[in-house]
């Protein structure tokens, strides 16, 4: 496989992991559990690969910096997705409350 193919599949894997992570607040029930497992496994694999890069380059600081950036991204992506979901839910609840007919 060419280097471009490896880079492409790595990017697709990382995107799928982060999309699964961002979809967790928007889902419910068994789908939420499945997405949480997929996101956790994907992020763990990404972190392991970044540690491996640090070991291969004999620069553990590089590996740790890559891991810190990824962990920061995980926290930010999840927090932003959760916040947007809450705001959207509040908007829909307010809209429903405003539309309900007055009781007589």
Protein backbone atom coordinates (compact mmCIF):
# COMPACT_ATOMS: atom_id res chain seq x y z
CA UNK A 1 0.00 0.00 0.00
CA UNK A 2 1.32 3.42 -0.86
CA UNK A 3 2.08 6.06 1.72
CA UNK A 4 -0.86 8.10 0.42
CA UNK A 5 -3.18 5.14 0.98
CA UNK A 6 -1.95 4.69 4.54
CA UNK A 7 -2.38 8.40 5.25
CA UNK A 8 -5.86 8.34 3.75
CA UNK A 9 -7.02 5.34 5.79
CA UNK A 10 -5.48 6.83 8.93
CA UNK A 11 -7.41 10.06 8.35
CA UNK A 12 -10.64 8.13 7.71
CA UNK A 13 -10.15 6.11 10.91
CA UNK A 14 -9.46 9.23 12.96
CA UNK A 15 -12.48 11.03 11.46
CA UNK A 16 -14.74 8.05 12.19
CA UNK A 17 -13.50 7.91 15.79
CA UNK A 18 -14.11 11.61 16.38
CA UNK A 19 -17.51 11.54 14.64
CA UNK A 20 -18.53 8.65 16.88
CA UNK A 21 -17.37 10.67 19.87
CA UNK A 22 -19.34 13.74 18.79
CA UNK A 23 -22.49 11.68 18.13
CA UNK A 24 -22.67 10.31 21.69
CA UNK A 25 -24.67 13.24 23.17
CA UNK A 26 -27.12 13.14 20.24
CA UNK A 27 -28.09 9.49 20.64
CA UNK A 28 -29.90 7.40 23.22
CA UNK A 29 -30.11 3.81 24.40
CA UNK A 30 -28.06 1.02 22.87
CA UNK A 31 -26.77 3.18 20.04
CA UNK A 32 -25.12 5.48 22.59
CA UNK A 33 -23.34 2.51 24.15
CA UNK A 34 -22.16 1.25 20.75
CA UNK A 35 -20.89 4.70 19.78
CA UNK A 36 -19.13 5.09 23.13
CA UNK A 37 -17.36 1.75 22.68
CA UNK A 38 -16.37 2.59 19.09
CA UNK A 39 -15.14 6.05 20.05
CA UNK A 40 -13.19 4.75 23.05
CA UNK A 41 -11.55 1.99 21.02
CA UNK A 42 -10.74 4.40 18.19
CA UNK A 43 -9.25 7.05 20.46
CA UNK A 44 -7.25 4.40 22.35
CA UNK A 45 -5.87 3.09 19.04
CA UNK A 46 -4.96 6.62 17.94
CA UNK A 47 -3.20 7.29 21.25
CA UNK A 48 -1.35 3.98 21.01
CA UNK A 49 -0.24 4.76 17.48
CA UNK A 50 1.01 8.18 18.57
CA UNK A 51 2.98 6.61 21.41
CA UNK A 52 4.42 4.15 18.87
CA UNK A 53 5.51 7.08 16.70
CA UNK A 54 7.37 8.55 19.68
CA UNK A 55 9.09 5.23 20.36
CA UNK A 56 10.04 4.71 16.69
CA UNK A 57 11.51 8.22 16.41
CA UNK A 58 13.23 7.75 19.78
CA UNK A 59 11.58 10.97 20.91
CA UNK A 60 9.13 10.27 23.71
CA UNK A 61 8.43 13.99 24.08
CA UNK A 62 7.04 13.98 20.53
CA UNK A 63 4.80 11.02 21.29
CA UNK A 64 3.56 12.60 24.51
CA UNK A 65 2.88 15.94 22.80
CA UNK A 66 0.86 14.17 20.10
CA UNK A 67 -1.10 12.33 22.76
CA UNK A 68 -1.78 15.53 24.74
CA UNK A 69 -3.06 17.26 21.60
CA UNK A 70 -5.33 14.30 20.85
CA UNK A 71 -6.68 14.16 24.42
CA UNK A 72 -7.33 17.92 24.31
CA UNK A 73 -9.18 17.47 21.00
CA UNK A 74 -11.26 14.65 22.48
CA UNK A 75 -12.32 16.81 25.43
CA UNK A 76 -13.08 19.84 23.25
CA UNK A 77 -14.98 17.90 20.58
CA UNK A 78 -17.11 16.12 23.17
CA UNK A 79 -17.75 19.27 25.22
CA UNK A 80 -18.71 21.33 22.17
CA UNK A 81 -20.99 18.58 20.85
CA UNK A 82 -22.64 18.19 24.26
CA UNK A 83 -23.09 21.97 24.60
CA UNK A 84 -24.60 22.35 21.13
CA UNK A 85 -26.95 19.43 21.80
CA UNK A 86 -28.12 21.04 25.07
CA UNK A 87 -28.70 24.41 23.42
CA UNK A 88 -30.62 22.77 20.58
CA UNK A 89 -32.73 20.79 23.06
CA UNK A 90 -33.52 23.96 25.06
CA UNK A 91 -34.49 25.75 21.86
CA UNK A 92 -36.85 22.95 20.83
CA UNK A 93 -38.42 22.76 24.29
CA UNK A 94 -38.95 26.53 24.37
CA UNK A 95 -40.43 26.44 20.89
CA UNK A 96 -42.81 23.64 21.87
CA UNK A 97 -43.83 25.52 25.04
CA UNK A 98 -44.55 28.70 23.06
CA UNK A 99 -46.68 26.81 20.54
CA UNK A 100 -48.86 24.94 23.00
CA UNK A 101 -52.44 26.25 23.05
CA UNK A 102 -53.66 27.99 26.19
CA UNK A 103 -55.78 25.87 28.48
CA UNK A 104 -59.26 27.18 29.22
